[in-house]
Amino acid sequence: MRGMRRLLESAARFDPRTPVFATARSLLAFAQLCGILFTPDRDLILAVPHPDLPGPCGGINGISMWCVTGGDSTPNPSARMVAVAVLTAVMIGVKPRWLCIPHWYIAFSVSTSVTIADGAASISEIVCELLIPQGLGDTRRTHWGRSRVPLAPHWRGSAYAAHLVLRAQVAIVYLSAAIMKMQHSAWRRGQALRIIMQDPQFGAPGLVRPAVDSLLRHGWLSSAAMWSTLAIEVGIGTAMLGGASARRYALGATIVLHLFIMTLMGLFGFALVMMATVAFASTTTPLRKAATSADRVQPVRSVVRR
């Protein structure tokens, strides 16, 4: 009963409209925008992996913007232009209420039709979908503006439910990543990082590769880096199930971890998307907003007492 009451009270005062949320939304759109702008036309459309399998415009994927405007065989400049326009507006912060659904549609279209090999597209699609309940109740001109009017009760509840689902998704992503690594013998032997850093596609860039290879030849250093990576992933996943302070520490750890991944593996878009995702999951209602919504918590408490 106490846990249910606490959950209802958290939902009653939840308000995601914070500077952290705005920064994360802009960062997510920036990462997606870079993927569109810097992917050449010849690599933009997802190739059909097998002649017996449906193309990228089969089934539900047919509603993708790239499929609707140009089919699945050639790049379409109009789809790219629309995606750039929407993502630029989201990055600036214009009208969250009106752009949250177009933002998801762009993310869905990129995930189903565009070739981006770093794994960020599918995560972005899920995140943008869960941002819709948090955006539809936001009437500000930009997501940087001060929230002068409280969220309507039904938007607070749906936004908080989406927030909880996002936290659960982040926990699953990081905990499963750590578990899957531990199932691989190279990780248990402490050799995984050396193998990854030497990969021609995802390995360390040429400028830093000699230094990285030299450092990882020391067995103790390679093992320390490997176990630190696993510990950070477990910590981030566990923190998503905890309180606000734990999630703030997790956000700091996420930034450090993915800055290293960005530098050593070149996964620029993936790193930014994961930073933004954990920032969304770390959003908490400021004390000022919680205090101003105390009158709205009272009805929830009265219902719980009954």
Protein backbone atom coordinates (compact mmCIF):
# COMPACT_ATOMS: atom_id res chain seq x y z
CA MET A 1 0.00 0.00 0.00
CA ARG A 2 2.78 2.41 0.90
CA GLY A 3 4.59 1.66 -2.35
CA MET A 4 1.43 2.31 -4.37
CA ARG A 5 0.84 5.58 -2.55
CA ARG A 6 4.40 6.70 -3.25
CA LEU A 7 4.01 5.78 -6.90
CA LEU A 8 0.77 7.77 -7.19
CA GLU A 9 2.30 10.77 -5.47
CA SER A 10 5.31 10.65 -7.80
CA ALA A 11 3.00 10.55 -10.79
CA ALA A 12 0.93 13.44 -9.41
CA ARG A 13 3.91 15.78 -9.17
CA PHE A 14 5.94 14.54 -12.14
CA ASP A 15 7.00 17.21 -14.61
CA PRO A 16 9.75 16.36 -17.13
CA ARG A 17 10.11 19.94 -18.39
CA THR A 18 13.58 20.57 -17.00
CA PRO A 19 16.86 21.87 -18.49
CA VAL A 20 18.23 18.31 -18.42
CA PHE A 21 15.27 17.08 -20.45
CA ALA A 22 15.68 19.92 -22.96
CA THR A 23 19.41 19.28 -23.32
CA ALA A 24 18.82 15.56 -23.83
CA ARG A 25 16.15 16.20 -26.47
CA SER A 26 18.43 18.54 -28.40
CA LEU A 27 21.33 16.10 -28.09
CA LEU A 28 19.20 13.23 -29.39
CA ALA A 29 18.04 15.26 -32.40
CA PHE A 30 21.62 16.41 -33.06
CA ALA A 31 22.86 12.81 -33.12
CA GLN A 32 20.07 11.80 -35.51
CA LEU A 33 20.71 14.85 -37.69
CA CYS A 34 24.40 14.02 -37.99
CA GLY A 35 23.52 10.50 -39.10
CA ILE A 36 21.33 11.87 -41.90
CA LEU A 37 23.67 14.64 -43.01
CA PHE A 38 26.89 12.64 -43.06
CA THR A 39 25.62 9.37 -44.54
CA PRO A 40 26.27 9.38 -48.31
CA ASP A 41 23.34 8.80 -50.64
CA ARG A 42 24.76 5.50 -51.85
CA ASP A 43 24.75 4.18 -48.26
CA LEU A 44 21.52 5.76 -47.09
CA ILE A 45 19.02 3.13 -48.19
CA LEU A 46 19.01 -0.22 -46.43
CA ALA A 47 19.96 -3.01 -48.84
CA VAL A 48 17.83 -6.14 -49.09
CA PRO A 49 19.83 -8.88 -47.31
CA HIS A 50 18.34 -11.84 -49.19
CA PRO A 51 16.18 -12.16 -52.32
CA ASP A 52 13.67 -14.39 -50.50
CA LEU A 53 13.17 -11.88 -47.70
CA PRO A 54 10.83 -8.86 -47.90
CA GLY A 55 12.45 -5.55 -48.76
CA PRO A 56 12.77 -2.67 -46.30
CA CYS A 57 9.38 -1.34 -47.48
CA GLY A 58 7.49 -4.55 -46.75
CA GLY A 59 4.79 -4.72 -44.10
CA ILE A 60 4.59 -1.93 -41.54
CA ASN A 61 7.92 -0.57 -42.79
CA GLY A 62 6.05 0.64 -45.86
CA ILE A 63 4.88 3.73 -43.97
CA SER A 64 8.48 4.89 -43.60
CA MET A 65 9.03 8.31 -45.12
CA TRP A 66 11.72 6.93 -47.44
CA CYS A 67 9.29 4.28 -48.70
CA VAL A 68 6.36 6.66 -49.07
CA THR A 69 8.34 9.26 -51.02
CA GLY A 70 10.80 7.20 -53.05
CA GLY A 71 10.59 3.45 -52.63
CA ASP A 72 13.28 1.16 -51.30
CA SER A 73 15.77 1.17 -54.15
CA THR A 74 17.15 4.71 -54.49
CA PRO A 75 17.80 7.57 -52.07
CA ASN A 76 15.15 10.29 -52.08
CA PRO A 77 16.31 13.90 -51.54
CA SER A 78 12.85 15.02 -50.42
CA ALA A 79 12.84 12.53 -47.51
CA ARG A 80 16.29 13.70 -46.47
CA MET A 81 15.20 17.35 -46.59
CA VAL A 82 12.09 16.72 -44.48
CA ALA A 83 14.11 14.73 -41.94
CA VAL A 84 16.73 17.48 -41.70
CA ALA A 85 14.05 20.14 -41.24
CA VAL A 86 12.20 18.25 -38.50
CA LEU A 87 15.35 17.25 -36.62
CA THR A 88 16.73 20.78 -36.80
CA ALA A 89 13.50 22.16 -35.34
CA VAL A 90 13.55 19.56 -32.56
CA MET A 91 17.20 20.32 -31.81
CA ILE A 92 16.37 24.02 -31.48
CA GLY A 93 13.46 23.06 -29.25
CA VAL A 94 10.55 24.46 -31.25
CA LYS A 95 7.01 23.48 -30.17
CA PRO A 96 7.53 20.14 -28.38
CA ARG A 97 3.79 19.40 -28.47
CA TRP A 98 3.60 19.61 -32.26
CA LEU A 99 6.95 18.03 -33.08
CA CYS A 100 7.04 15.02 -30.73
CA ILE A 101 5.09 12.81 -33.15
CA PRO A 102 6.96 13.94 -36.32
CA HIS A 103 10.17 13.35 -34.38
CA TRP A 104 9.14 9.77 -33.69
CA TYR A 105 8.13 9.30 -37.34
CA ILE A 106 11.57 10.42 -38.52
CA ALA A 107 13.20 8.07 -35.99
CA PHE A 108 10.98 5.20 -37.16
CA SER A 109 11.78 5.96 -40.82
CA VAL A 110 15.50 6.04 -40.15
CA SER A 111 15.35 2.83 -38.14
CA THR A 112 13.51 0.91 -40.86
CA SER A 113 14.95 2.41 -44.05
CA VAL A 114 18.37 3.93 -43.46
CA THR A 115 21.69 2.13 -43.12
CA ILE A 116 23.40 3.28 -39.93
CA ALA A 117 25.61 0.56 -38.52
CA ASP A 118 26.15 1.83 -34.96
CA GLY A 119 22.87 0.59 -33.46
CA ALA A 120 21.63 4.03 -32.47
CA ALA A 121 18.65 4.11 -34.84
CA SER A 122 16.56 1.44 -33.11
CA ILE A 123 17.24 2.94 -29.68
CA SER A 124 16.29 6.40 -30.95
CA GLU A 125 13.00 5.07 -32.28
CA ILE A 126 12.02 3.62 -28.90
CA VAL A 127 13.09 6.74 -27.03
CA CYS A 128 11.18 9.07 -29.38
CA GLU A 129 8.07 6.92 -29.00
CA LEU A 130 8.27 7.16 -25.22
CA LEU A 131 8.78 10.92 -25.45
CA ILE A 132 5.40 11.40 -27.13
CA PRO A 133 3.36 11.26 -23.86
CA GLN A 134 5.88 13.65 -22.32
CA GLY A 135 5.67 16.05 -25.24
CA LEU A 136 1.96 16.22 -25.97
CA GLY A 137 1.23 18.06 -22.73
CA ASP A 138 4.04 20.59 -23.25
CA THR A 139 2.53 23.87 -24.48
CA ARG A 140 5.74 25.95 -24.39
CA ARG A 141 7.09 27.63 -27.51
CA THR A 142 10.44 25.89 -27.02
CA HIS A 143 11.61 23.21 -24.66
CA TRP A 144 14.08 25.75 -23.23
CA GLY A 145 11.30 28.01 -21.98
CA ARG A 146 10.20 28.19 -18.38
CA SER A 147 7.15 26.08 -17.58
CA ARG A 148 4.70 28.59 -16.12
CA VAL A 149 1.59 26.41 -16.32
CA PRO A 150 1.53 22.98 -14.63
CA LEU A 151 0.94 19.91 -16.74
CA ALA A 152 -2.65 18.72 -16.86
CA PRO A 153 -3.24 15.72 -14.54
CA HIS A 154 -3.76 13.23 -17.37
CA TRP A 155 -0.53 14.33 -19.07
CA ARG A 156 1.39 14.02 -15.79
CA GLY A 157 0.21 10.44 -15.40
CA SER A 158 0.97 9.37 -18.95
CA ALA A 159 4.32 11.19 -18.93
CA TYR A 160 5.33 9.46 -15.71
CA ALA A 161 4.28 6.05 -17.05
CA ALA A 162 6.41 6.62 -20.16
CA HIS A 163 9.28 7.75 -17.94
CA LEU A 164 9.12 4.53 -15.92
CA VAL A 165 9.07 2.42 -19.08
CA LEU A 166 12.10 4.31 -20.39
CA ARG A 167 13.99 3.67 -17.16
CA ALA A 168 13.14 -0.03 -17.42
CA GLN A 169 14.36 -0.07 -21.04
CA VAL A 170 17.67 1.54 -20.06
CA ALA A 171 18.11 -0.96 -17.24
CA ILE A 172 17.49 -3.85 -19.65
CA VAL A 173 19.93 -2.45 -22.24
CA TYR A 174 22.86 -2.02 -19.87
CA LEU A 175 22.32 -5.09 -17.71
CA SER A 176 21.83 -7.35 -20.74
CA ALA A 177 24.94 -5.82 -22.36
CA ALA A 178 27.01 -6.73 -19.31
CA ILE A 179 25.54 -10.24 -19.09
CA MET A 180 26.12 -10.95 -22.78
CA LYS A 181 29.73 -9.80 -22.50
CA MET A 182 30.35 -12.13 -19.58
CA GLN A 183 29.08 -15.07 -21.62
CA HIS A 184 31.87 -14.51 -24.16
CA SER A 185 35.17 -16.20 -23.34
CA ALA A 186 37.24 -13.25 -24.63
CA TRP A 187 35.68 -11.00 -22.02
CA ARG A 188 36.24 -13.51 -19.24
CA ARG A 189 39.91 -13.82 -20.26
CA GLY A 190 40.37 -10.07 -20.45
CA GLN A 191 41.20 -10.07 -24.18
CA ALA A 192 38.00 -8.58 -25.59
CA LEU A 193 39.11 -4.96 -25.63
CA ARG A 194 42.29 -5.75 -27.56
CA ILE A 195 40.25 -7.64 -30.15
CA ILE A 196 37.70 -4.83 -30.46
CA MET A 197 40.34 -2.12 -30.74
CA GLN A 198 41.95 -3.97 -33.65
CA ASP A 199 38.67 -4.36 -35.57
CA PRO A 200 38.91 -2.60 -38.97
CA GLN A 201 35.42 -1.06 -38.67
CA PHE A 202 34.89 -0.38 -34.98
CA GLY A 203 38.46 -0.38 -33.74
CA ALA A 204 40.49 2.55 -32.52
CA PRO A 205 41.14 5.31 -35.09
CA GLY A 206 44.51 5.31 -36.79
CA LEU A 207 45.88 8.27 -34.82
CA VAL A 208 45.39 6.65 -31.42
CA ARG A 209 45.56 2.96 -32.32
CA PRO A 210 49.32 2.53 -31.68
CA ALA A 211 48.99 4.07 -28.21
CA VAL A 212 45.88 2.01 -27.41
CA ASP A 213 47.53 -1.22 -28.60
CA SER A 214 50.61 -0.47 -26.52
CA LEU A 215 48.56 0.13 -23.37
CA LEU A 216 46.36 -2.92 -23.82
CA ARG A 217 49.37 -5.21 -24.17
CA HIS A 218 49.70 -4.89 -20.40
CA GLY A 219 47.43 -7.64 -19.17
CA TRP A 220 46.52 -5.94 -15.91
CA LEU A 221 45.54 -2.72 -17.68
CA SER A 222 43.43 -4.56 -20.24
CA SER A 223 41.66 -6.49 -17.47
CA ALA A 224 41.12 -3.32 -15.43
CA ALA A 225 39.56 -1.53 -18.42
CA MET A 226 37.38 -4.55 -19.18
CA TRP A 227 36.08 -4.99 -15.64
CA SER A 228 35.56 -1.25 -15.29
CA THR A 229 33.38 -1.30 -18.40
CA LEU A 230 31.29 -4.16 -17.03
CA ALA A 231 31.00 -2.52 -13.60
CA ILE A 232 29.84 0.76 -15.13
CA GLU A 233 27.23 -0.99 -17.28
CA VAL A 234 25.89 -2.93 -14.30
CA GLY A 235 25.90 0.26 -12.22
CA ILE A 236 23.96 2.23 -14.83
CA GLY A 237 21.38 -0.52 -15.26
CA THR A 238 20.91 -0.94 -11.51
CA ALA A 239 20.68 2.81 -10.90
CA MET A 240 17.70 3.06 -13.25
CA LEU A 241 15.77 1.02 -10.70
CA GLY A 242 16.79 3.33 -7.85
CA GLY A 243 16.21 6.89 -6.73
CA ALA A 244 17.03 10.25 -8.25
CA SER A 245 20.52 10.57 -6.76
CA ALA A 246 21.55 7.15 -8.06
CA ARG A 247 20.32 8.06 -11.54
CA ARG A 248 22.32 11.31 -11.48
CA TYR A 249 25.49 9.33 -10.75
CA ALA A 250 24.52 6.94 -13.53
CA LEU A 251 24.25 9.85 -15.96
CA GLY A 252 27.79 10.95 -15.07
CA ALA A 253 29.06 7.39 -15.55
CA THR A 254 27.25 7.15 -18.88
CA ILE A 255 28.90 10.32 -20.16
CA VAL A 256 32.36 9.06 -19.17
CA LEU A 257 31.80 5.59 -20.64
CA HIS A 258 30.45 6.80 -23.96
CA LEU A 259 33.05 9.54 -24.35
CA PHE A 260 35.62 6.75 -24.29
CA ILE A 261 33.53 4.70 -26.74
CA MET A 262 33.21 7.74 -29.01
CA THR A 263 36.96 8.39 -28.93
CA LEU A 264 38.23 4.82 -29.19
CA MET A 265 35.60 3.27 -31.44
CA GLY A 266 34.31 6.20 -33.46
CA LEU A 267 30.67 5.49 -32.52
CA PHE A 268 29.76 9.18 -32.41
CA GLY A 269 26.02 8.91 -32.98
CA PHE A 270 25.57 5.90 -30.71
CA ALA A 271 27.43 7.62 -27.86
CA LEU A 272 25.30 10.78 -28.10
CA VAL A 273 22.05 8.80 -28.30
CA MET A 274 22.91 6.78 -25.19
CA MET A 275 23.91 9.92 -23.26
CA ALA A 276 20.59 11.52 -24.19
CA THR A 277 18.64 8.36 -23.33
CA VAL A 278 20.10 8.06 -19.84
CA ALA A 279 19.58 11.80 -19.34
CA PHE A 280 15.87 11.35 -20.13
CA ALA A 281 15.72 8.44 -17.69
CA SER A 282 17.45 10.58 -15.03
CA THR A 283 14.92 13.41 -15.25
CA THR A 284 13.47 14.40 -11.89
CA THR A 285 10.93 17.04 -10.91
CA PRO A 286 12.64 20.07 -9.31
CA LEU A 287 11.67 20.85 -5.72
CA ARG A 288 10.13 24.13 -6.85
CA LYS A 289 7.72 22.31 -9.15
CA ALA A 290 7.01 19.63 -6.55
CA ALA A 291 6.10 22.32 -4.03
CA THR A 292 3.76 24.15 -6.38
CA SER A 293 1.96 20.91 -7.14
CA ALA A 294 1.35 19.99 -3.50
CA ASP A 295 -2.32 20.85 -3.84
CA ARG A 296 -2.59 18.37 -6.69
CA VAL A 297 -1.01 15.62 -4.56
CA GLN A 298 -3.71 15.94 -1.92
CA PRO A 299 -6.46 14.32 -4.05
CA VAL A 300 -4.16 11.38 -4.70
CA ARG A 301 -3.53 10.95 -0.97
CA SER A 302 -7.23 11.10 -0.23
CA VAL A 303 -7.93 8.42 -2.80
CA VAL A 304 -5.22 6.21 -1.35
CA ARG A 305 -6.64 6.59 2.19
CA ARG A 306 -9.99 5.34 0.97
